[in-house]
């Protein structure tokens, strides 16, 4: 194997590690969001969405 081949393999391994790390972060944030939304009271979730829509300028009723 040449030095060029080894460095390409190292780069491929590093980019796979970065992809895995990003996927883990996205999964953790998504699971946290689903957990918080799933276990919150309906009125709390509604009021949070309602206030967010108004703060962004979207009508909701």
PDB file of N, CA and C in Angstrom:
ATOM      1  N   UNK A   1       0.835  -1.178   0.000  1.00  0.00           N
ATOM      2  CA  UNK A   1       0.000   0.000   0.000  1.00  0.00           C
ATOM      3  C   UNK A   1       0.877   1.237   0.000  1.00  0.00           C
ATOM      4  N   UNK A   2       0.411   2.209  -0.647  1.00  0.00           N
ATOM      5  CA  UNK A   2       1.177   3.452  -0.695  1.00  0.00           C
ATOM      6  C   UNK A   2       0.697   4.398   0.391  1.00  0.00           C
ATOM      7  N   UNK A   3       1.460   5.449   0.589  1.00  0.00           N
ATOM      8  CA  UNK A   3       1.096   6.461   1.579  1.00  0.00           C
ATOM      9  C   UNK A   3      -0.201   7.150   1.189  1.00  0.00           C
ATOM     10  N   UNK A   4      -0.392   7.350  -0.114  1.00  0.00           N
ATOM     11  CA  UNK A   4      -1.608   8.001  -0.593  1.00  0.00           C
ATOM     12  C   UNK A   4      -2.840   7.171  -0.251  1.00  0.00           C
ATOM     13  N   UNK A   5      -2.751   5.856  -0.388  1.00  0.00           N
ATOM     14  CA  UNK A   5      -3.873   4.986  -0.076  1.00  0.00           C
ATOM     15  C   UNK A   5      -4.186   5.012   1.419  1.00  0.00           C
ATOM     16  N   UNK A   6      -3.188   5.025   2.242  1.00  0.00           N
ATOM     17  CA  UNK A   6      -3.415   5.053   3.677  1.00  0.00           C
ATOM     18  C   UNK A   6      -4.072   6.359   4.103  1.00  0.00           C
ATOM     19  N   UNK A   7      -3.652   7.462   3.542  1.00  0.00           N
ATOM     20  CA  UNK A   7      -4.258   8.730   3.942  1.00  0.00           C
ATOM     21  C   UNK A   7      -5.695   8.812   3.444  1.00  0.00           C
ATOM     22  N   UNK A   8      -6.000   8.243   2.288  1.00  0.00           N
ATOM     23  CA  UNK A   8      -7.381   8.231   1.796  1.00  0.00           C
ATOM     24  C   UNK A   8      -8.253   7.375   2.713  1.00  0.00           C
ATOM     25  N   UNK A   9      -7.726   6.266   3.197  1.00  0.00           N
ATOM     26  CA  UNK A   9      -8.475   5.421   4.120  1.00  0.00           C
ATOM     27  C   UNK A   9      -8.702   6.141   5.447  1.00  0.00           C
ATOM     28  N   UNK A  10      -7.706   6.889   5.893  1.00  0.00           N
ATOM     29  CA  UNK A  10      -7.863   7.647   7.132  1.00  0.00           C
ATOM     30  C   UNK A  10      -8.913   8.732   6.969  1.00  0.00           C
ATOM     31  N   UNK A  11      -8.932   9.387   5.812  1.00  0.00           N
ATOM     32  CA  UNK A  11      -9.936  10.423   5.555  1.00  0.00           C
ATOM     33  C   UNK A  11     -11.324   9.799   5.505  1.00  0.00           C
ATOM     34  N   UNK A  12     -11.460   8.664   4.840  1.00  0.00           N
ATOM     35  CA  UNK A  12     -12.748   7.986   4.758  1.00  0.00           C
ATOM     36  C   UNK A  12     -13.219   7.579   6.150  1.00  0.00           C
ATOM     37  N   UNK A  13     -12.319   7.090   6.967  1.00  0.00           N
ATOM     38  CA  UNK A  13     -12.670   6.695   8.324  1.00  0.00           C
ATOM     39  C   UNK A  13     -13.086   7.907   9.152  1.00  0.00           C
ATOM     40  N   UNK A  14     -12.391   9.023   8.985  1.00  0.00           N
ATOM     41  CA  UNK A  14     -12.723  10.240   9.736  1.00  0.00           C
ATOM     42  C   UNK A  14     -14.076  10.791   9.305  1.00  0.00           C
ATOM     43  N   UNK A  15     -14.378  10.765   8.014  1.00  0.00           N
ATOM     44  CA  UNK A  15     -15.659  11.295   7.576  1.00  0.00           C
ATOM     45  C   UNK A  15     -16.806  10.370   8.016  1.00  0.00           C
ATOM     46  N   UNK A  16     -16.574   9.085   8.080  1.00  0.00           N
ATOM     47  CA  UNK A  16     -17.604   8.174   8.604  1.00  0.00           C
ATOM     48  C   UNK A  16     -17.849   8.447  10.081  1.00  0.00           C
ATOM     49  N   UNK A  17     -16.795   8.752  10.804  1.00  0.00           N
ATOM     50  CA  UNK A  17     -16.931   9.073  12.221  1.00  0.00           C
ATOM     51  C   UNK A  17     -17.720  10.370  12.398  1.00  0.00           C
ATOM     52  N   UNK A  18     -17.464  11.359  11.562  1.00  0.00           N
ATOM     53  CA  UNK A  18     -18.214  12.616  11.628  1.00  0.00           C
ATOM     54  C   UNK A  18     -19.685  12.404  11.293  1.00  0.00           C
ATOM     55  N   UNK A  19     -19.972  11.576  10.306  1.00  0.00           N
ATOM     56  CA  UNK A  19     -21.358  11.276   9.940  1.00  0.00           C
ATOM     57  C   UNK A  19     -22.058  10.556  11.087  1.00  0.00           C
ATOM     58  N   UNK A  20     -21.383   9.607  11.693  1.00  0.00           N
ATOM     59  CA  UNK A  20     -21.956   8.886  12.824  1.00  0.00           C
ATOM     60  C   UNK A  20     -22.205   9.830  13.999  1.00  0.00           C
ATOM     61  N   UNK A  21     -21.275  10.723  14.246  1.00  0.00           N
ATOM     62  CA  UNK A  21     -21.433  11.676  15.345  1.00  0.00           C
ATOM     63  C   UNK A  21     -22.612  12.616  15.076  1.00  0.00           C
ATOM     64  N   UNK A  22     -22.740  13.103  13.840  1.00  0.00           N
ATOM     65  CA  UNK A  22     -23.864  13.979  13.488  1.00  0.00           C
ATOM     66  C   UNK A  22     -25.192  13.238  13.593  1.00  0.00           C
ATOM     67  N   UNK A  23     -25.216  11.991  13.156  1.00  0.00           N
ATOM     68  CA  UNK A  23     -26.444  11.200  13.250  1.00  0.00           C
ATOM     69  C   UNK A  23     -26.839  10.978  14.706  1.00  0.00           C
ATOM     70  N   UNK A  24     -25.867  10.780  15.564  1.00  0.00           N
ATOM     71  CA  UNK A  24     -26.145  10.587  16.989  1.00  0.00           C
ATOM     72  C   UNK A  24     -26.713  11.868  17.613  1.00  0.00           C
ATOM     73  N   UNK A  25     -26.173  13.009  17.244  1.00  0.00           N
ATOM     74  CA  UNK A  25     -26.675  14.287  17.755  1.00  0.00           C
ATOM     75  C   UNK A  25     -28.109  14.522  17.282  1.00  0.00           C
ATOM     76  N   UNK A  26     -28.372  14.286  16.000  1.00  0.00           N
ATOM     77  CA  UNK A  26     -29.719  14.475  15.451  1.00  0.00           C
ATOM     78  C   UNK A  26     -30.706  13.522  16.109  1.00  0.00           C
ATOM     79  N   UNK A  27     -30.307  12.271  16.296  1.00  0.00           N
ATOM     80  CA  UNK A  27     -31.187  11.305  16.946  1.00  0.00           C
ATOM     81  C   UNK A  27     -31.499  11.721  18.381  1.00  0.00           C
ATOM     82  N   UNK A  28     -30.491  12.185  19.104  1.00  0.00           N
ATOM     83  CA  UNK A  28     -30.687  12.601  20.490  1.00  0.00           C
ATOM     84  C   UNK A  28     -31.634  13.795  20.580  1.00  0.00           C
ATOM     85  N   UNK A  29     -31.431  14.786  19.716  1.00  0.00           N
ATOM     86  CA  UNK A  29     -32.332  15.944  19.720  1.00  0.00           C
ATOM     87  C   UNK A  29     -33.759  15.546  19.335  1.00  0.00           C
ATOM     88  N   UNK A  30     -33.901  14.705  18.339  1.00  0.00           N
ATOM     89  CA  UNK A  30     -35.224  14.252  17.910  1.00  0.00           C
ATOM     90  C   UNK A  30     -35.929  13.439  18.980  1.00  0.00           C
ATOM     91  N   UNK A  31     -35.199  12.536  19.616  1.00  0.00           N
ATOM     92  CA  UNK A  31     -35.798  11.736  20.675  1.00  0.00           C
ATOM     93  C   UNK A  31     -36.196  12.612  21.862  1.00  0.00           C
ATOM     94  N   UNK A  32     -35.382  13.615  22.168  1.00  0.00           N
ATOM     95  CA  UNK A  32     -35.723  14.540  23.245  1.00  0.00           C
ATOM     96  C   UNK A  32     -36.971  15.340  22.929  1.00  0.00           C
ATOM     97  N   UNK A  33     -37.095  15.774  21.693  1.00  0.00           N
ATOM     98  CA  UNK A  33     -38.278  16.528  21.283  1.00  0.00           C
ATOM     99  C   UNK A  33     -39.534  15.665  21.357  1.00  0.00           C
ATOM    100  N   UNK A  34     -39.443  14.445  20.863  1.00  0.00           N
ATOM    101  CA  UNK A  34     -40.594  13.536  20.930  1.00  0.00           C
ATOM    102  C   UNK A  34     -40.937  13.222  22.378  1.00  0.00           C
ATOM    103  N   UNK A  35     -39.936  13.020  23.220  1.00  0.00           N
ATOM    104  CA  UNK A  35     -40.171  12.740  24.642  1.00  0.00           C
ATOM    105  C   UNK A  35     -40.863  13.920  25.314  1.00  0.00           C
ATOM    106  N   UNK A  36     -40.355  15.130  25.093  1.00  0.00           N
ATOM    107  CA  UNK A  36     -40.951  16.305  25.728  1.00  0.00           C
ATOM    108  C   UNK A  36     -42.363  16.560  25.227  1.00  0.00           C
ATOM    109  N   UNK A  37     -42.582  16.420  23.924  1.00  0.00           N
ATOM    110  CA  UNK A  37     -43.918  16.647  23.377  1.00  0.00           C
ATOM    111  C   UNK A  37     -44.879  15.535  23.797  1.00  0.00           C
ATOM    112  N   UNK A  38     -44.390  14.332  23.916  1.00  0.00           N
ATOM    113  CA  UNK A  38     -45.252  13.214  24.274  1.00  0.00           C
ATOM    114  C   UNK A  38     -45.705  13.223  25.719  1.00  0.00           C
ATOM    115  N   UNK A  39     -44.871  13.731  26.603  1.00  0.00           N
ATOM    116  CA  UNK A  39     -45.204  13.707  28.017  1.00  0.00           C
ATOM    117  C   UNK A  39     -45.650  15.057  28.574  1.00  0.00           C
ATOM    118  N   UNK A  40     -45.758  16.062  27.721  1.00  0.00           N
ATOM    119  CA  UNK A  40     -46.241  17.361  28.216  1.00  0.00           C
ATOM    120  C   UNK A  40     -47.773  17.352  28.212  1.00  0.00           C
ATOM    121  N   UNK A  41     -48.342  18.218  29.000  1.00  0.00           N
ATOM    122  CA  UNK A  41     -49.800  18.358  29.010  1.00  0.00           C
ATOM    123  C   UNK A  41     -50.241  19.001  27.700  1.00  0.00           C
ATOM    124  N   UNK A  42     -51.411  18.632  27.229  1.00  0.00           N
ATOM    125  CA  UNK A  42     -51.898  19.140  25.947  1.00  0.00           C
ATOM    126  C   UNK A  42     -52.025  20.660  25.968  1.00  0.00           C
ATOM    127  N   UNK A  43     -52.472  21.219  27.074  1.00  0.00           N
ATOM    128  CA  UNK A  43     -52.637  22.674  27.139  1.00  0.00           C
ATOM    129  C   UNK A  43     -51.285  23.383  27.081  1.00  0.00           C
ATOM    130  N   UNK A  44     -50.264  22.800  27.677  1.00  0.00           N
ATOM    131  CA  UNK A  44     -48.926  23.407  27.647  1.00  0.00           C
ATOM    132  C   UNK A  44     -48.381  23.382  26.223  1.00  0.00           C
ATOM    133  N   UNK A  45     -48.525  22.247  25.540  1.00  0.00           N
ATOM    134  CA  UNK A  45     -48.046  22.137  24.158  1.00  0.00           C
ATOM    135  C   UNK A  45     -48.824  23.092  23.249  1.00  0.00           C
ATOM    136  N   UNK A  46     -50.135  23.196  23.454  1.00  0.00           N
ATOM    137  CA  UNK A  46     -50.950  24.085  22.635  1.00  0.00           C
ATOM    138  C   UNK A  46     -50.541  25.539  22.852  1.00  0.00           C
ATOM    139  N   UNK A  47     -50.377  25.932  24.101  1.00  0.00           N
ATOM    140  CA  UNK A  47     -50.014  27.320  24.384  1.00  0.00           C
ATOM    141  C   UNK A  47     -48.629  27.664  23.845  1.00  0.00           C
ATOM    142  N   UNK A  48     -47.696  26.723  23.909  1.00  0.00           N
ATOM    143  CA  UNK A  48     -46.360  26.967  23.362  1.00  0.00           C
ATOM    144  C   UNK A  48     -46.417  27.139  21.850  1.00  0.00           C
ATOM    145  N   UNK A  49     -47.169  26.281  21.174  1.00  0.00           N
ATOM    146  CA  UNK A  49     -47.304  26.400  19.714  1.00  0.00           C
ATOM    147  C   UNK A  49     -48.051  27.676  19.354  1.00  0.00           C
ATOM    148  N   UNK A  50     -49.071  28.018  20.123  1.00  0.00           N
ATOM    149  CA  UNK A  50     -49.874  29.211  19.881  1.00  0.00           C
ATOM    150  C   UNK A  50     -49.016  30.468  20.003  1.00  0.00           C
ATOM    151  N   UNK A  51     -48.231  30.556  21.073  1.00  0.00           N
ATOM    152  CA  UNK A  51     -47.372  31.713  21.282  1.00  0.00           C
ATOM    153  C   UNK A  51     -46.273  31.792  20.226  1.00  0.00           C
ATOM    154  N   UNK A  52     -45.745  30.636  19.821  1.00  0.00           N
ATOM    155  CA  UNK A  52     -44.706  30.625  18.783  1.00  0.00           C
ATOM    156  C   UNK A  52     -45.256  31.128  17.457  1.00  0.00           C
ATOM    157  N   UNK A  53     -46.448  30.696  17.107  1.00  0.00           N
ATOM    158  CA  UNK A  53     -47.044  31.140  15.842  1.00  0.00           C
ATOM    159  C   UNK A  53     -47.261  32.654  15.858  1.00  0.00           C
ATOM    160  N   UNK A  54     -47.766  33.197  16.967  1.00  0.00           N
ATOM    161  CA  UNK A  54     -47.981  34.642  17.049  1.00  0.00           C
ATOM    162  C   UNK A  54     -46.671  35.402  17.011  1.00  0.00           C
ATOM    163  N   UNK A  55     -45.626  34.892  17.673  1.00  0.00           N
ATOM    164  CA  UNK A  55     -44.351  35.607  17.680  1.00  0.00           C
ATOM    165  C   UNK A  55     -43.702  35.609  16.298  1.00  0.00           C
ATOM    166  N   UNK A  56     -44.022  34.623  15.460  1.00  0.00           N
ATOM    167  CA  UNK A  56     -43.500  34.577  14.098  1.00  0.00           C
ATOM    168  C   UNK A  56     -44.388  35.313  13.099  1.00  0.00           C
ATOM    169  N   UNK A  57     -45.531  35.805  13.573  1.00  0.00           N
ATOM    170  CA  UNK A  57     -46.415  36.577  12.704  1.00  0.00           C
ATOM    171  C   UNK A  57     -47.420  35.756  11.933  1.00  0.00           C
ATOM    172  N   UNK A  58     -47.575  34.489  12.259  1.00  0.00           N
ATOM    173  CA  UNK A  58     -48.554  33.655  11.564  1.00  0.00           C
ATOM    174  C   UNK A  58     -49.887  33.703  12.314  1.00  0.00           C
ATOM    175  N   UNK A  59     -50.987  33.870  11.612  1.00  0.00           N
ATOM    176  CA  UNK A  59     -52.288  33.800  12.282  1.00  0.00           C
ATOM    177  C   UNK A  59     -52.619  32.344  12.611  1.00  0.00           C
ATOM    178  N   UNK A  60     -53.311  32.144  13.692  1.00  0.00           N
ATOM    179  CA  UNK A  60     -53.662  30.762  14.043  1.00  0.00           C
ATOM    180  C   UNK A  60     -55.139  30.597  14.334  1.00  0.00           C
ATOM    181  N   UNK A  61     -55.926  31.676  14.309  1.00  0.00           N
ATOM    182  CA  UNK A  61     -57.367  31.528  14.465  1.00  0.00           C
ATOM    183  C   UNK A  61     -58.082  32.655  13.788  1.00  0.00           C
TER     184      UNK A  61
END
